Amino acid sequence: QVQLVESGGGSVQPGGSLRLSCAVSGSVFSIYDMAWYRQAPGRQRELVAGISRGARTHYIDSVKGRFTISRDNAKNTVYLQMNSLKPEDTAVYYCNVGFTTPLYDDWGQGTQVTVSS
């Protein structure tokens, strides 16, 4: 049973930065591809970025050049460094196993990111 715990969200002004963390427990983290998703109010959850077990990455166009996904297999953690944040980045951010498709139905609680002046 995989458990996903997201943290690191907060409220920032436009142009600010945040670093999200997702701690994974319950299985062998290093074999998993991982991804970050987000869900804004009134919208469907969307894929933001993914990282393979070999550290290959992909991003949606709206965050390319601003967000960086990374992983630390020794800490069973995947990160999302978010720079130059915009109001449209406001959402609850979640992580899940899988490179482009979430493989676990049991989502974590997510972490709220609010970008506003």
Protein backbone atom coordinates (compact mmCIF):
# COMPACT_ATOMS: atom_id res chain seq x y z
CA GLN A 1 0.00 0.00 0.00
CA VAL A 2 1.56 3.28 -1.15
CA GLN A 3 0.99 6.40 0.94
CA LEU A 4 1.47 9.87 -0.51
CA VAL A 5 1.94 12.94 1.69
CA GLU A 6 2.27 16.34 0.05
CA SER A 7 3.61 19.44 1.79
CA GLY A 8 5.19 22.82 1.14
CA GLY A 9 2.25 24.83 -0.17
CA GLY A 10 1.38 28.33 0.93
CA SER A 11 0.37 31.81 -0.14
CA VAL A 12 2.74 33.89 -2.25
CA GLN A 13 2.62 36.98 -4.41
CA PRO A 14 2.92 36.74 -8.19
CA GLY A 15 6.53 36.14 -9.12
CA GLY A 16 7.24 34.26 -5.92
CA SER A 17 8.52 30.72 -5.42
CA LEU A 18 7.54 27.61 -3.52
CA ARG A 19 9.00 24.12 -3.23
CA LEU A 20 6.55 21.27 -2.85
CA SER A 21 7.48 17.88 -1.43
CA CYS A 22 5.79 14.51 -1.75
CA ALA A 23 6.87 11.79 0.66
CA VAL A 24 6.15 8.27 -0.53
CA SER A 25 5.98 5.33 1.83
CA GLY A 26 4.87 1.74 1.69
CA SER A 27 6.87 0.48 -1.24
CA VAL A 28 10.13 0.75 -3.17
CA PHE A 29 10.10 4.38 -4.29
CA SER A 30 13.04 4.13 -6.68
CA ILE A 31 11.15 1.87 -9.09
CA TYR A 32 8.29 4.30 -9.55
CA ASP A 33 7.69 6.99 -12.09
CA MET A 34 6.07 9.93 -10.28
CA ALA A 35 4.07 13.00 -11.23
CA TRP A 36 2.55 16.16 -9.84
CA TYR A 37 -1.05 17.15 -10.52
CA ARG A 38 -3.13 20.16 -9.57
CA GLN A 39 -6.79 20.98 -9.24
CA ALA A 40 -8.08 24.53 -9.28
CA PRO A 41 -11.57 25.40 -7.97
CA GLY A 42 -14.25 24.35 -10.42
CA ARG A 43 -11.77 22.61 -12.71
CA GLN A 44 -10.67 19.05 -13.34
CA ARG A 45 -7.41 17.77 -11.92
CA GLU A 46 -4.61 18.17 -14.45
CA LEU A 47 -1.14 16.73 -14.87
CA VAL A 48 1.60 19.30 -14.23
CA ALA A 49 4.90 17.42 -14.47
CA GLY A 50 6.28 13.90 -14.34
CA ILE A 51 9.61 12.24 -13.61
CA SER A 52 10.57 8.70 -14.54
CA ARG A 53 12.58 6.37 -12.34
CA GLY A 54 15.49 7.26 -14.63
CA ALA A 55 14.91 11.01 -14.03
CA ARG A 56 13.44 11.76 -17.45
CA THR A 57 11.01 14.65 -17.06
CA HIS A 58 8.06 16.24 -18.84
CA TYR A 59 5.95 19.36 -18.17
CA ILE A 60 2.76 20.92 -19.39
CA ASP A 61 3.41 23.95 -21.59
CA SER A 62 2.10 26.48 -19.09
CA VAL A 63 4.78 25.64 -16.51
CA LYS A 64 7.78 24.94 -18.76
CA GLY A 65 10.74 27.08 -17.76
CA ARG A 66 9.16 27.93 -14.40
CA PHE A 67 8.66 24.59 -12.64
CA THR A 68 11.22 21.85 -12.03
CA ILE A 69 10.38 18.33 -10.89
CA SER A 70 13.06 16.27 -9.17
CA ARG A 71 13.40 13.25 -6.93
CA ASP A 72 15.58 11.99 -4.10
CA ASN A 73 15.38 8.20 -4.00
CA ALA A 74 17.29 8.06 -0.71
CA LYS A 75 14.53 10.13 0.91
CA ASN A 76 11.61 8.55 -0.98
CA THR A 77 10.58 12.05 -1.98
CA VAL A 78 9.65 13.88 -5.17
CA TYR A 79 9.81 17.67 -5.35
CA LEU A 80 8.28 20.43 -7.43
CA GLN A 81 10.22 23.69 -7.46
CA MET A 82 7.88 26.42 -8.64
CA ASN A 83 9.31 29.80 -9.65
CA SER A 84 7.75 32.88 -11.22
CA LEU A 85 4.38 31.85 -9.87
CA LYS A 86 1.25 33.27 -11.48
CA PRO A 87 -2.31 33.60 -10.14
CA GLU A 88 -3.39 30.86 -12.55
CA ASP A 89 -1.08 28.44 -10.69
CA THR A 90 -3.43 28.65 -7.71
CA ALA A 91 -4.67 25.12 -6.99
CA VAL A 92 -4.37 22.16 -4.69
CA TYR A 93 -1.30 20.19 -5.75
CA TYR A 94 -1.11 16.40 -5.51
CA CYS A 95 1.43 13.74 -6.36
CA ASN A 96 0.81 10.23 -7.62
CA VAL A 97 2.66 7.24 -9.00
CA GLY A 98 2.98 7.08 -12.78
CA PHE A 99 4.65 9.20 -15.47
CA THR A 100 1.56 10.56 -17.25
CA THR A 101 -1.34 8.64 -15.76
CA PRO A 102 -2.12 8.36 -12.03
CA LEU A 103 -1.86 4.73 -10.95
CA TYR A 104 -3.28 5.00 -7.45
CA ASP A 105 -6.88 5.84 -6.64
CA ASP A 106 -5.89 6.80 -3.08
CA TRP A 107 -4.80 10.40 -3.49
CA GLY A 108 -3.10 12.23 -0.63
CA GLN A 109 -4.59 15.30 1.01
CA GLY A 110 -2.76 17.62 -1.37
CA THR A 111 -1.14 20.95 -0.54
CA GLN A 112 -2.77 24.31 -1.28
CA VAL A 113 -0.89 26.86 -3.39
CA THR A 114 -2.36 30.35 -3.57
CA VAL A 115 -0.81 33.06 -5.74
CA SER A 116 -2.32 36.46 -5.25
CA SER A 117 -1.35 40.06 -4.68
